[in-house]
Amino acid sequence: MCDFAIRNLSGRGRPLDYYEDRPGEVRSGRRGRGVISVIIPTYNRALFLERSIRSVAEQTRACGELIVVDDGSTDDTRLRVAACAAQTAIPVRYIHQDNQGAAAARNTGIKAARGELLAFLDSDDRFVPEKLARQFKAMRDEPQYLVSH
């Protein structure tokens, strides 16, 4: 899947925090104006996650939160996400759910996101360093755009 950002047109923001959601308990909240939520759906790709998360942490425009939705992995995904979260200043949220497929994992991430803008990254891929900055500028400069790729 290609990564893209979606403008979310609802509400105002509240502070972001760090936690793990329990299965079936996805917390959602108001959307933070100008905040970017990066969503990484994953299934048994623990070996690739560090590279993906590092590419989010190395953005020239920081995101407000990183949400990793684990779609029922049986590998050490949870431990790898926790280790990466300890090494970054970005709030990282880990959500585990029963295996339902990539689309369901993305939808879970969308429901949990608190950012005004959403960016998706597959767990075996990475962002170029200026990806979020460029997309944020495009969305800010062209408010009629709802989706960018």
Protein backbone atom coordinates (compact mmCIF):
# COMPACT_ATOMS: atom_id res chain seq x y z
CA MET A 1 0.00 0.00 0.00
CA CYS A 2 1.22 3.50 -0.74
CA ASP A 3 1.40 5.93 2.12
CA PHE A 4 -0.81 9.00 2.12
CA ALA A 5 -2.30 11.60 4.42
CA ILE A 6 -5.95 12.30 5.01
CA ARG A 7 -7.31 15.53 6.41
CA ASN A 8 -9.64 14.80 9.31
CA LEU A 9 -12.27 17.50 9.55
CA SER A 10 -13.46 16.89 13.10
CA GLY A 11 -12.92 18.77 16.35
CA ARG A 12 -10.07 20.28 18.30
CA GLY A 13 -7.12 18.76 20.07
CA ARG A 14 -6.23 17.52 23.50
CA PRO A 15 -2.85 16.42 24.84
CA LEU A 16 -1.38 13.22 23.47
CA ASP A 17 -0.16 10.51 25.81
CA TYR A 18 1.63 7.19 25.69
CA TYR A 19 -0.05 3.89 26.43
CA GLU A 20 -0.93 0.48 25.15
CA ASP A 21 -4.55 -0.15 24.30
CA ARG A 22 -5.95 -3.48 25.40
CA PRO A 23 -7.72 -5.65 22.82
CA GLY A 24 -11.18 -4.29 22.19
CA GLU A 25 -10.42 -1.01 23.96
CA VAL A 26 -9.38 1.60 21.43
CA ARG A 27 -9.33 5.06 22.91
CA SER A 28 -10.22 7.90 20.64
CA GLY A 29 -10.38 11.57 21.28
CA ARG A 30 -10.67 14.98 19.77
CA ARG A 31 -8.44 15.77 16.85
CA GLY A 32 -5.45 18.05 17.39
CA ARG A 33 -5.22 20.93 14.93
CA GLY A 34 -2.10 20.61 12.79
CA VAL A 35 -1.10 17.37 14.51
CA ILE A 36 -0.06 14.44 12.32
CA SER A 37 -0.85 10.90 13.45
CA VAL A 38 1.23 8.22 11.75
CA ILE A 39 -0.44 4.80 11.62
CA ILE A 40 1.55 1.61 11.04
CA PRO A 41 -0.55 -1.55 10.64
CA THR A 42 1.52 -4.69 11.12
CA TYR A 43 1.29 -8.46 11.19
CA ASN A 44 4.35 -10.59 12.01
CA ARG A 45 6.84 -8.05 10.71
CA ALA A 46 8.79 -7.40 13.89
CA LEU A 47 12.10 -7.55 12.02
CA PHE A 48 11.15 -4.57 9.84
CA LEU A 49 9.43 -2.37 12.41
CA GLU A 50 12.55 -0.73 13.84
CA ARG A 51 13.48 0.67 10.43
CA SER A 52 9.92 1.90 9.84
CA ILE A 53 9.63 3.55 13.26
CA ARG A 54 13.09 5.12 12.93
CA SER A 55 12.04 6.69 9.61
CA VAL A 56 9.08 8.31 11.39
CA ALA A 57 11.31 9.56 14.22
CA GLU A 58 13.77 11.09 11.72
CA GLN A 59 11.21 13.29 9.97
CA THR A 60 12.07 16.98 9.49
CA ARG A 61 8.54 17.75 10.74
CA ALA A 62 7.71 15.62 13.74
CA CYS A 63 4.41 13.82 14.02
CA GLY A 64 2.27 14.20 17.12
CA GLU A 65 1.86 10.48 17.66
CA LEU A 66 2.78 7.14 16.16
CA ILE A 67 0.16 4.40 16.35
CA VAL A 68 1.25 0.82 15.71
CA VAL A 69 -1.72 -1.49 15.18
CA ASP A 70 -0.67 -5.11 15.67
CA ASP A 71 -3.13 -7.26 13.76
CA GLY A 72 -2.68 -10.44 15.80
CA SER A 73 1.06 -11.00 15.38
CA THR A 74 2.62 -14.11 16.90
CA ASP A 75 6.21 -12.82 16.77
CA ASP A 76 7.87 -10.31 19.13
CA THR A 77 6.21 -7.25 17.59
CA ARG A 78 5.08 -5.87 20.96
CA LEU A 79 8.58 -6.04 22.45
CA ARG A 80 10.15 -4.39 19.41
CA VAL A 81 7.63 -1.55 19.46
CA ALA A 82 8.25 -1.00 23.18
CA ALA A 83 12.02 -0.92 22.61
CA CYS A 84 11.67 1.60 19.79
CA ALA A 85 9.26 3.73 21.83
CA ALA A 86 11.85 4.00 24.60
CA GLN A 87 14.31 5.51 22.12
CA THR A 88 12.13 8.26 20.64
CA ALA A 89 10.48 11.42 21.90
CA ILE A 90 7.41 10.75 19.75
CA PRO A 91 4.42 9.43 21.70
CA VAL A 92 4.00 5.82 20.58
CA ARG A 93 0.74 3.95 20.99
CA TYR A 94 0.59 0.18 20.59
CA ILE A 95 -2.78 -1.41 19.86
CA HIS A 96 -3.15 -5.19 19.64
CA GLN A 97 -6.20 -6.72 18.00
CA ASP A 98 -7.21 -10.15 16.76
CA ASN A 99 -6.16 -10.79 13.17
CA GLN A 100 -8.68 -9.09 10.89
CA GLY A 101 -6.53 -7.99 7.97
CA ALA A 102 -4.67 -4.85 6.98
CA ALA A 103 -7.76 -2.76 6.21
CA ALA A 104 -9.23 -3.44 9.64
CA ALA A 105 -5.90 -2.54 11.27
CA ARG A 106 -5.82 0.77 9.38
CA ASN A 107 -9.40 1.48 10.44
CA THR A 108 -8.50 0.76 14.07
CA GLY A 109 -5.63 3.24 13.76
CA ILE A 110 -7.92 5.87 12.27
CA LYS A 111 -10.39 5.48 15.15
CA ALA A 112 -7.61 5.83 17.71
CA ALA A 113 -5.82 8.75 16.03
CA ARG A 114 -5.89 12.19 17.59
CA GLY A 115 -4.23 14.12 14.80
CA GLU A 116 -5.90 16.35 12.26
CA LEU A 117 -3.84 14.67 9.54
CA LEU A 118 -3.29 10.95 9.15
CA ALA A 119 -0.30 9.34 7.44
CA PHE A 120 -0.06 5.62 6.78
CA LEU A 121 3.14 3.59 6.63
CA ASP A 122 3.35 -0.13 5.98
CA SER A 123 5.48 -1.96 8.54
CA ASP A 124 8.01 -3.11 5.92
CA ASP A 125 8.45 0.35 4.41
CA ARG A 126 9.90 3.69 5.48
CA PHE A 127 9.36 7.40 4.95
CA VAL A 128 11.87 9.69 3.26
CA PRO A 129 12.98 12.35 5.80
CA GLU A 130 10.88 15.24 4.41
CA LYS A 131 7.70 13.27 3.68
CA LEU A 132 5.57 14.65 6.52
CA ALA A 133 6.88 18.21 6.09
CA ARG A 134 6.04 18.23 2.40
CA GLN A 135 2.60 16.74 2.87
CA PHE A 136 1.81 19.08 5.76
CA LYS A 137 2.78 22.09 3.65
CA ALA A 138 0.68 20.85 0.72
CA MET A 139 -2.36 20.32 2.95
CA ARG A 140 -1.88 23.72 4.64
CA ASP A 141 -1.36 25.60 1.37
CA GLU A 142 -4.27 23.89 -0.41
CA PRO A 143 -7.03 23.48 2.21
CA GLN A 144 -9.46 22.15 -0.40
CA TYR A 145 -7.34 18.99 -0.67
CA LEU A 146 -8.54 16.15 1.51
CA VAL A 147 -6.08 13.45 0.41
CA SER A 148 -2.45 13.60 -0.68
CA HIS A 149 -0.20 10.80 -1.83
